[in-house]
Amino acid sequence: MAAFVNRVNRLRRRQLIERGFADRSIPLEVLSSFPNVLGCVDCTHVKIRAPKRNEMDFVNRKGYHSVNIQMICDPQLIITDVVAKWPGSVHDSRIFRESSICASFENGQLDGLLLGDSGYACRTFLLTPYLNPQTPSQERYNRALTKTRVLIEQTFGSSQRRFACLSYGLRVDKANACRIAMACAVLHNIGIQRQDVFARGTPPSDDHPMTVGEAGNQSGAHYRDFICATYFRE
């Protein structure tokens, strides 16, 4: 009985997430939205003390030592997945490619979509923007994706206001920084669920939105074209 209740609760939770993303991703001039979105994904850098071993691995593109932490959020800014273990020099696309959440999509354990920026490879389960939109449909697709994907930036901003150490840095080593970041994510979710008040906003960005990550495969590009033609046509 308990297992059945858990399955029902997970189904209801998924339906609420998909409905929330559908409502979020509809620009005024668009009559539809992304289907079956489960989350928005991105990475954020947390500054740490310079490590004694493999120091250069932790120097990010901004020139300071950090860990690069991947998060996925839902429409209420709840953090649904965290990967906290990678040095600051590691690209966002690699972190996702080697994560358990990516493996779950590839193995068919998860069915739905994530939305990411152009630093990720376009996949059948991870939609990214068109770098050079050629049609009105592609432009509408990009606007809807941008409007929806800002949720992960707002999640970073909200969690950093709750826990200033995520914004200003941690004077600890990599292992402890990752543990602290994980704990902050859990406490952030508790705060959201208890309806504490933190205005949505976006932190100073570490990202370069038009930076191209690894090349997506053909099936990913074709599926993006299908979504664009089906849900964002004139």
Protein backbone atom coordinates (compact mmCIF):
# COMPACT_ATOMS: atom_id res chain seq x y z
CA MET A 1 0.00 0.00 0.00
CA ALA A 2 2.78 2.43 0.92
CA ALA A 3 4.53 1.80 -2.41
CA PHE A 4 1.30 2.51 -4.29
CA VAL A 5 0.78 5.77 -2.34
CA ASN A 6 4.34 6.82 -3.15
CA ARG A 7 3.77 6.17 -6.87
CA VAL A 8 0.56 8.21 -6.78
CA ASN A 9 2.32 11.06 -4.98
CA ARG A 10 5.16 11.04 -7.52
CA LEU A 11 2.64 11.12 -10.38
CA ARG A 12 0.79 14.05 -8.83
CA ARG A 13 4.07 15.86 -8.23
CA ARG A 14 5.11 15.34 -11.86
CA GLN A 15 1.74 16.62 -13.12
CA LEU A 16 2.10 19.77 -11.01
CA ILE A 17 5.63 20.36 -12.31
CA GLU A 18 4.62 19.92 -15.95
CA ARG A 19 1.60 22.20 -15.50
CA GLY A 20 3.76 24.85 -13.82
CA PHE A 21 6.31 24.83 -16.63
CA ALA A 22 3.58 24.90 -19.28
CA ASP A 23 2.07 28.02 -17.71
CA ARG A 24 5.49 29.62 -17.42
CA SER A 25 6.69 29.07 -20.98
CA ILE A 26 3.80 30.66 -22.89
CA PRO A 27 4.74 34.10 -24.27
CA LEU A 28 1.82 36.36 -25.10
CA GLU A 29 2.07 35.66 -28.82
CA VAL A 30 2.50 31.89 -28.44
CA LEU A 31 -0.50 29.59 -28.27
CA SER A 32 1.32 26.62 -26.83
CA SER A 33 4.40 25.72 -24.80
CA PHE A 34 7.03 23.09 -24.14
CA PRO A 35 5.49 19.69 -23.37
CA ASN A 36 6.47 17.46 -20.45
CA VAL A 37 9.13 19.71 -18.94
CA LEU A 38 10.58 18.23 -15.75
CA GLY A 39 13.11 20.91 -14.90
CA CYS A 40 15.58 23.61 -15.86
CA VAL A 41 19.29 22.76 -15.55
CA ASP A 42 22.37 24.92 -15.11
CA CYS A 43 25.56 25.19 -13.09
CA THR A 44 26.80 27.78 -10.62
CA HIS A 45 30.28 28.38 -9.23
CA VAL A 46 30.95 28.52 -5.49
CA LYS A 47 34.26 30.10 -4.54
CA ILE A 48 36.56 27.99 -2.34
CA ARG A 49 39.98 28.17 -0.72
CA ALA A 50 42.81 27.32 -3.11
CA PRO A 51 43.44 23.56 -2.80
CA LYS A 52 46.94 22.19 -2.22
CA ARG A 53 46.52 19.42 -4.80
CA ASN A 54 45.54 19.91 -8.45
CA GLU A 55 45.11 23.62 -7.85
CA MET A 56 44.73 24.61 -11.49
CA ASP A 57 41.80 22.23 -11.94
CA PHE A 58 39.79 24.48 -9.64
CA VAL A 59 40.52 27.77 -11.44
CA ASN A 60 37.41 28.66 -13.45
CA ARG A 61 37.10 30.91 -16.48
CA LYS A 62 36.71 33.93 -14.20
CA GLY A 63 40.13 33.23 -12.72
CA TYR A 64 39.22 32.21 -9.16
CA HIS A 65 39.11 28.83 -7.40
CA SER A 66 35.68 27.24 -7.28
CA VAL A 67 33.57 24.13 -7.44
CA ASN A 68 31.06 23.98 -10.29
CA ILE A 69 27.70 22.78 -8.99
CA GLN A 70 24.86 21.55 -11.19
CA MET A 71 21.27 22.05 -10.10
CA ILE A 72 17.86 21.30 -11.59
CA CYS A 73 14.78 23.19 -10.40
CA ASP A 74 11.01 23.05 -10.77
CA PRO A 75 8.62 26.01 -11.33
CA GLN A 76 8.45 26.77 -7.58
CA LEU A 77 12.27 27.04 -7.40
CA ILE A 78 12.50 23.72 -5.58
CA ILE A 79 15.89 22.10 -6.26
CA THR A 80 15.12 18.61 -7.53
CA ASP A 81 18.66 17.42 -8.30
CA VAL A 82 22.17 18.50 -7.30
CA VAL A 83 25.61 17.40 -8.50
CA ALA A 84 28.30 18.86 -6.23
CA LYS A 85 31.75 17.36 -6.83
CA TRP A 86 33.37 18.96 -9.87
CA PRO A 87 36.28 21.48 -10.00
CA GLY A 88 35.59 24.93 -11.38
CA SER A 89 37.45 24.31 -14.64
CA VAL A 90 35.03 21.56 -15.71
CA HIS A 91 32.47 22.59 -18.34
CA ASP A 92 28.75 22.43 -17.55
CA SER A 93 28.11 20.03 -20.42
CA ARG A 94 30.56 17.45 -19.06
CA ILE A 95 29.03 17.63 -15.61
CA PHE A 96 25.61 16.89 -17.07
CA ARG A 97 26.87 14.20 -19.44
CA GLU A 98 28.47 12.26 -16.58
CA SER A 99 25.62 12.74 -14.09
CA SER A 100 23.21 10.07 -12.93
CA ILE A 101 20.26 12.18 -14.09
CA CYS A 102 21.59 12.08 -17.66
CA ALA A 103 22.02 8.31 -17.41
CA SER A 104 18.43 8.01 -16.18
CA PHE A 105 17.17 9.83 -19.29
CA GLU A 106 19.40 7.79 -21.60
CA ASN A 107 18.24 4.50 -20.04
CA GLY A 108 14.57 5.41 -20.32
CA GLN A 109 14.06 5.63 -16.55
CA LEU A 110 12.94 9.23 -16.93
CA ASP A 111 10.56 10.44 -19.63
CA GLY A 112 10.32 14.18 -20.19
CA LEU A 113 12.38 17.25 -20.99
CA LEU A 114 14.97 19.46 -19.36
CA LEU A 115 15.67 22.99 -20.58
CA GLY A 116 19.24 24.30 -20.72
CA ASP A 117 21.29 27.08 -22.25
CA SER A 118 23.53 26.87 -25.30
CA GLY A 119 26.44 25.55 -23.26
CA TYR A 120 24.77 22.14 -23.33
CA ALA A 121 24.45 19.70 -26.20
CA CYS A 122 20.94 19.51 -27.61
CA ARG A 123 19.48 16.09 -26.86
CA THR A 124 16.05 14.50 -27.19
CA PHE A 125 15.63 15.07 -23.44
CA LEU A 126 17.57 18.35 -23.10
CA LEU A 127 16.42 21.25 -25.26
CA THR A 128 18.71 24.21 -25.91
CA PRO A 129 18.27 27.46 -27.87
CA TYR A 130 18.83 27.94 -31.58
CA LEU A 131 22.08 29.86 -31.86
CA ASN A 132 20.98 31.53 -35.12
CA PRO A 133 17.18 31.38 -35.39
CA GLN A 134 16.08 31.51 -39.01
CA THR A 135 12.29 31.55 -38.75
CA PRO A 136 9.60 33.22 -36.61
CA SER A 137 8.88 29.81 -35.05
CA GLN A 138 12.48 29.43 -33.96
CA GLU A 139 12.45 32.94 -32.51
CA ARG A 140 9.28 32.16 -30.54
CA TYR A 141 10.87 28.91 -29.37
CA ASN A 142 13.95 30.80 -28.14
CA ARG A 143 11.85 33.42 -26.33
CA ALA A 144 9.78 30.75 -24.60
CA LEU A 145 12.89 28.80 -23.60
CA THR A 146 14.55 31.93 -22.20
CA LYS A 147 11.43 32.89 -20.28
CA THR A 148 11.19 29.43 -18.75
CA ARG A 149 14.88 28.78 -18.15
CA VAL A 150 15.25 31.93 -16.06
CA LEU A 151 13.74 29.88 -13.23
CA ILE A 152 17.07 28.20 -12.57
CA GLU A 153 18.77 31.60 -12.37
CA GLN A 154 16.09 32.69 -9.90
CA THR A 155 16.74 29.52 -7.91
CA PHE A 156 20.43 30.39 -7.71
CA GLY A 157 19.56 33.94 -6.68
CA SER A 158 17.09 32.87 -4.00
CA SER A 159 19.42 30.26 -2.50
CA GLN A 160 22.33 32.71 -2.47
CA ARG A 161 20.25 35.28 -0.60
CA ARG A 162 19.33 32.65 1.96
CA PHE A 163 22.94 31.50 2.29
CA ALA A 164 25.37 34.29 1.52
CA CYS A 165 28.29 31.86 1.68
CA LEU A 166 27.20 30.50 -1.70
CA SER A 167 27.59 33.98 -3.17
CA TYR A 168 30.69 35.25 -1.35
CA GLY A 169 32.55 31.97 -1.12
CA LEU A 170 33.56 29.31 1.38
CA ARG A 171 36.89 29.32 3.21
CA VAL A 172 37.00 25.54 3.18
CA ASP A 173 38.35 22.80 0.96
CA LYS A 174 36.54 21.26 -1.99
CA ALA A 175 35.02 18.32 -0.12
CA ASN A 176 33.54 20.46 2.65
CA ALA A 177 32.38 23.10 0.16
CA CYS A 178 30.40 20.45 -1.72
CA ARG A 179 28.84 19.17 1.52
CA ILE A 180 27.86 22.69 2.53
CA ALA A 181 26.35 23.38 -0.90
CA MET A 182 24.29 20.19 -0.67
CA ALA A 183 23.08 21.14 2.81
CA CYS A 184 22.14 24.62 1.59
CA ALA A 185 20.10 23.07 -1.24
CA VAL A 186 18.16 20.93 1.24
CA LEU A 187 17.53 23.89 3.55
CA HIS A 188 16.53 26.05 0.59
CA ASN A 189 13.84 23.51 -0.32
CA ILE A 190 12.59 23.43 3.25
CA GLY A 191 12.35 27.21 3.15
CA ILE A 192 10.33 27.15 -0.08
CA GLN A 193 8.01 24.47 1.28
CA ARG A 194 7.44 26.50 4.45
CA GLN A 195 6.66 29.54 2.31
CA ASP A 196 9.30 31.88 3.67
CA VAL A 197 9.65 35.12 1.75
CA PHE A 198 12.59 35.69 -0.56
CA ALA A 199 12.04 37.78 -3.68
CA ARG A 200 12.89 36.11 -6.95
CA GLY A 201 15.88 37.54 -8.68
CA THR A 202 18.94 36.49 -10.59
CA PRO A 203 22.51 36.54 -9.26
CA PRO A 204 25.44 38.03 -11.14
CA SER A 205 25.89 35.45 -13.87
CA ASP A 206 28.94 33.25 -14.29
CA ASP A 207 27.55 32.07 -17.59
CA HIS A 208 28.06 33.09 -21.19
CA PRO A 209 24.64 32.29 -22.70
CA MET A 210 25.81 32.11 -26.29
CA THR A 211 28.83 29.95 -25.53
CA VAL A 212 28.56 26.70 -27.45
CA GLY A 213 29.17 23.50 -25.52
CA GLU A 214 29.73 20.10 -27.06
CA ALA A 215 27.92 19.42 -30.31
CA GLY A 216 24.51 17.85 -29.95
CA ASN A 217 23.64 14.73 -31.90
CA GLN A 218 21.40 14.72 -34.95
CA SER A 219 18.48 13.18 -33.08
CA GLY A 220 18.59 16.04 -30.58
CA ALA A 221 18.58 18.67 -33.33
CA HIS A 222 15.76 16.90 -35.17
CA TYR A 223 13.68 16.62 -32.01
CA ARG A 224 14.18 20.34 -31.30
CA ASP A 225 12.97 21.09 -34.82
CA PHE A 226 9.93 18.88 -34.21
CA ILE A 227 9.11 20.67 -30.93
CA CYS A 228 9.57 24.04 -32.62
CA ALA A 229 7.37 23.15 -35.61
CA THR A 230 4.68 21.52 -33.46
CA TYR A 231 4.38 23.88 -30.52
CA PHE A 232 5.72 27.24 -31.74
CA ARG A 233 4.49 27.54 -35.30
CA GLU A 234 2.57 30.57 -36.45
